[in-house]
Amino acid sequence: MTQETIRGRPGCASRAGAPHNEPVDQLDRKIIAELRANGRATYADLGRTVGLSASSVHERVGKLEAAGVITGYHAMVDPNTVGLGVTALVGIHPTDTATDEDVAASLAELPEVESCYAVAGDEAFVVKVRVATVDELELTLGRLRRIPGVGRTNTTVVLSTRFEGRPNNAGLDEEPGSGA
């Protein structure tokens, strides 16, 4: 399925990273929060929740997509149920001659790397790796260490996930202009 056909909303992903020129107001934030909780909600459902008509919600969502605020819609999957029961956070320490762009491009080629964050500190990157077994994690770490520009790695194995991908909805209940 292409991005163009998801929920009939054209081209969300193609506009990712586009400049956002208009401020996101409190109603937009509420719509975004509802979509993060249920990306399959109808415009009518969203309208009832935020106090707008379905057509007004449709227009606002379209503007948020076009501005690159909403970059796509996806299914949330329990990694354990699809055979990816081992999660690790791996710090990547670069060599003195490494370029961040080259290392990041090589990390992106590894399917086990789910997320990659450029960070401040001794490490240049922290990546989230998901694999089926500890043996596969060991193999993946070997591949990570062979990437040109990777000096060493520091691995933390996740024992359990308390929460993940939680939206930051701070301030949604504040009145506009309250500043608190």
Protein backbone atom coordinates (compact mmCIF):
# COMPACT_ATOMS: atom_id res chain seq x y z
CA MET A 1 0.00 0.00 0.00
CA THR A 2 1.43 3.38 -0.89
CA GLN A 3 1.30 6.48 1.25
CA GLU A 4 -1.08 7.98 -1.30
CA THR A 5 -3.75 5.36 -0.58
CA ILE A 6 -3.64 5.26 3.21
CA ARG A 7 -7.05 6.44 4.47
CA GLY A 8 -7.45 8.33 1.23
CA ARG A 9 -5.08 11.01 2.48
CA PRO A 10 -2.68 11.97 -0.29
CA GLY A 11 1.08 11.93 0.01
CA CYS A 12 1.74 12.32 3.73
CA ALA A 13 5.23 10.87 3.66
CA SER A 14 6.30 12.78 0.59
CA ARG A 15 5.98 16.01 2.52
CA ALA A 16 7.88 14.89 5.61
CA GLY A 17 10.25 17.57 6.74
CA ALA A 18 8.51 20.30 4.75
CA PRO A 19 8.63 23.67 6.47
CA HIS A 20 5.67 24.36 8.71
CA ASN A 21 4.70 28.00 8.27
CA GLU A 22 1.55 28.28 10.39
CA PRO A 23 1.54 27.78 14.16
CA VAL A 24 -0.17 24.67 15.47
CA ASP A 25 -3.03 25.82 17.68
CA GLN A 26 -4.72 24.03 20.57
CA LEU A 27 -7.38 22.43 18.32
CA ASP A 28 -4.68 21.12 15.97
CA ARG A 29 -2.81 19.67 18.94
CA LYS A 30 -5.99 17.93 20.14
CA ILE A 31 -6.60 16.49 16.67
CA ILE A 32 -2.99 15.29 16.52
CA ALA A 33 -3.32 13.70 19.98
CA GLU A 34 -6.48 11.87 18.92
CA LEU A 35 -4.87 10.65 15.69
CA ARG A 36 -1.82 9.43 17.61
CA ALA A 37 -4.15 7.46 19.87
CA ASN A 38 -6.25 6.17 16.95
CA GLY A 39 -4.97 6.79 13.45
CA ARG A 40 -8.09 5.14 12.04
CA ALA A 41 -10.53 7.59 13.63
CA THR A 42 -12.95 9.12 11.17
CA TYR A 43 -13.18 12.86 10.67
CA ALA A 44 -16.64 12.70 12.29
CA ASP A 45 -15.18 10.93 15.37
CA LEU A 46 -12.40 13.49 15.59
CA GLY A 47 -14.89 16.31 15.18
CA ARG A 48 -17.05 15.04 18.05
CA THR A 49 -13.98 14.78 20.26
CA VAL A 50 -12.61 18.27 19.56
CA GLY A 51 -15.90 20.10 18.98
CA LEU A 52 -15.64 20.74 15.23
CA SER A 53 -17.52 19.55 12.17
CA ALA A 54 -16.09 16.65 10.19
CA SER A 55 -15.37 18.97 7.27
CA SER A 56 -13.44 21.39 9.52
CA VAL A 57 -11.39 18.50 10.91
CA HIS A 58 -10.77 17.23 7.37
CA GLU A 59 -9.48 20.65 6.33
CA ARG A 60 -7.25 20.97 9.40
CA VAL A 61 -5.80 17.47 8.96
CA GLY A 62 -5.12 18.20 5.30
CA LYS A 63 -3.24 21.38 6.25
CA LEU A 64 -1.26 19.53 8.93
CA GLU A 65 -0.29 16.87 6.36
CA ALA A 66 0.62 19.42 3.69
CA ALA A 67 2.76 21.35 6.20
CA GLY A 68 4.66 18.20 7.20
CA VAL A 69 3.32 18.19 10.77
CA ILE A 70 1.58 14.85 10.19
CA THR A 71 4.05 12.76 8.21
CA GLY A 72 2.19 9.46 7.94
CA TYR A 73 0.03 6.78 9.52
CA HIS A 74 1.18 3.35 10.65
CA ALA A 75 0.22 0.25 12.58
CA MET A 76 1.72 -0.24 16.02
CA VAL A 77 2.95 -3.82 16.34
CA ASP A 78 4.03 -5.78 19.42
CA PRO A 79 7.60 -6.82 18.50
CA ASN A 80 7.33 -10.06 20.51
CA THR A 81 4.40 -11.28 18.42
CA VAL A 82 6.41 -10.93 15.21
CA GLY A 83 9.49 -12.69 16.56
CA LEU A 84 11.56 -9.67 17.61
CA GLY A 85 11.79 -10.33 21.34
CA VAL A 86 15.26 -8.84 21.96
CA THR A 87 15.70 -5.06 22.02
CA ALA A 88 18.99 -3.30 22.64
CA LEU A 89 20.15 0.30 22.72
CA VAL A 90 23.59 0.59 21.17
CA GLY A 91 25.84 3.60 21.58
CA ILE A 92 28.07 4.18 18.56
CA HIS A 93 31.49 5.72 19.26
CA PRO A 94 32.95 7.06 16.01
CA THR A 95 36.56 7.03 14.89
CA ASP A 96 38.37 10.35 14.52
CA THR A 97 38.03 10.18 10.74
CA ALA A 98 34.35 9.22 10.62
CA THR A 99 31.70 11.46 9.14
CA ASP A 100 28.30 11.33 10.79
CA GLU A 101 26.54 11.21 7.42
CA ASP A 102 28.48 8.14 6.24
CA VAL A 103 28.01 6.28 9.53
CA ALA A 104 24.28 7.11 9.62
CA ALA A 105 23.84 5.97 6.01
CA SER A 106 25.51 2.65 6.83
CA LEU A 107 23.38 2.22 9.96
CA ALA A 108 20.25 2.83 7.88
CA GLU A 109 21.17 -0.15 5.68
CA LEU A 110 20.86 -2.59 8.59
CA PRO A 111 17.27 -3.83 8.88
CA GLU A 112 17.75 -4.60 12.59
CA VAL A 113 18.30 -0.91 13.35
CA GLU A 114 14.83 0.45 14.10
CA SER A 115 15.76 3.97 15.22
CA CYS A 116 18.89 6.12 15.08
CA TYR A 117 19.50 9.21 17.18
CA ALA A 118 22.42 11.63 16.86
CA VAL A 119 23.35 12.48 20.45
CA ALA A 120 25.66 14.74 22.45
CA GLY A 121 28.44 13.17 24.50
CA ASP A 122 31.08 10.52 23.82
CA GLU A 123 28.79 8.63 21.50
CA ALA A 124 27.79 10.10 18.15
CA PHE A 125 24.67 7.92 17.82
CA VAL A 126 22.38 5.73 19.86
CA VAL A 127 20.48 3.14 17.84
CA LYS A 128 17.59 0.91 18.81
CA VAL A 129 18.07 -2.63 17.53
CA ARG A 130 15.38 -5.35 17.48
CA VAL A 131 16.21 -8.98 16.77
CA ALA A 132 14.77 -12.40 17.57
CA THR A 133 17.50 -13.82 19.80
CA VAL A 134 20.60 -12.87 21.76
CA ASP A 135 22.64 -14.80 19.18
CA GLU A 136 21.23 -12.54 16.45
CA LEU A 137 22.07 -9.52 18.59
CA GLU A 138 25.67 -10.68 18.76
CA LEU A 139 25.79 -11.00 14.96
CA THR A 140 24.21 -7.58 14.53
CA LEU A 141 26.73 -6.00 16.91
CA GLY A 142 29.51 -7.54 14.82
CA ARG A 143 28.03 -5.95 11.68
CA LEU A 144 27.72 -2.60 13.47
CA ARG A 145 31.36 -2.72 14.55
CA ARG A 146 32.51 -3.42 10.97
CA ILE A 147 30.89 -0.23 9.64
CA PRO A 148 33.65 2.14 8.49
CA GLY A 149 33.89 4.96 11.02
CA VAL A 150 32.58 2.97 14.00
CA GLY A 151 35.33 2.80 16.61
CA ARG A 152 33.43 0.88 19.26
CA THR A 153 29.95 0.24 20.60
CA ASN A 154 28.33 0.22 24.02
CA THR A 155 25.27 -2.02 24.30
CA THR A 156 22.40 -1.99 26.79
CA VAL A 157 19.95 -4.88 26.50
CA VAL A 158 16.36 -3.93 27.29
CA LEU A 159 14.81 -6.26 29.87
CA SER A 160 11.26 -4.94 29.47
CA THR A 161 9.51 -1.98 27.92
CA ARG A 162 7.38 -0.01 30.36
CA PHE A 163 6.09 2.34 27.64
CA GLU A 164 7.20 3.37 24.19
CA GLY A 165 6.11 5.88 21.57
CA ARG A 166 4.06 7.79 24.10
CA PRO A 167 2.82 11.10 22.68
CA ASN A 168 3.68 14.28 24.55
CA ASN A 169 0.30 15.90 25.11
CA ALA A 170 1.49 18.37 27.74
CA GLY A 171 -0.58 21.54 27.75
CA LEU A 172 -3.58 20.15 25.84
CA ASP A 173 -5.96 21.03 28.63
CA GLU A 174 -4.68 24.59 28.99
CA GLU A 175 -6.69 27.50 27.72
CA PRO A 176 -5.06 29.37 24.81
CA GLY A 177 -2.84 32.20 26.05
CA SER A 178 -2.67 30.90 29.64
CA GLY A 179 1.11 30.35 29.35
CA ALA A 180 1.13 27.79 32.14
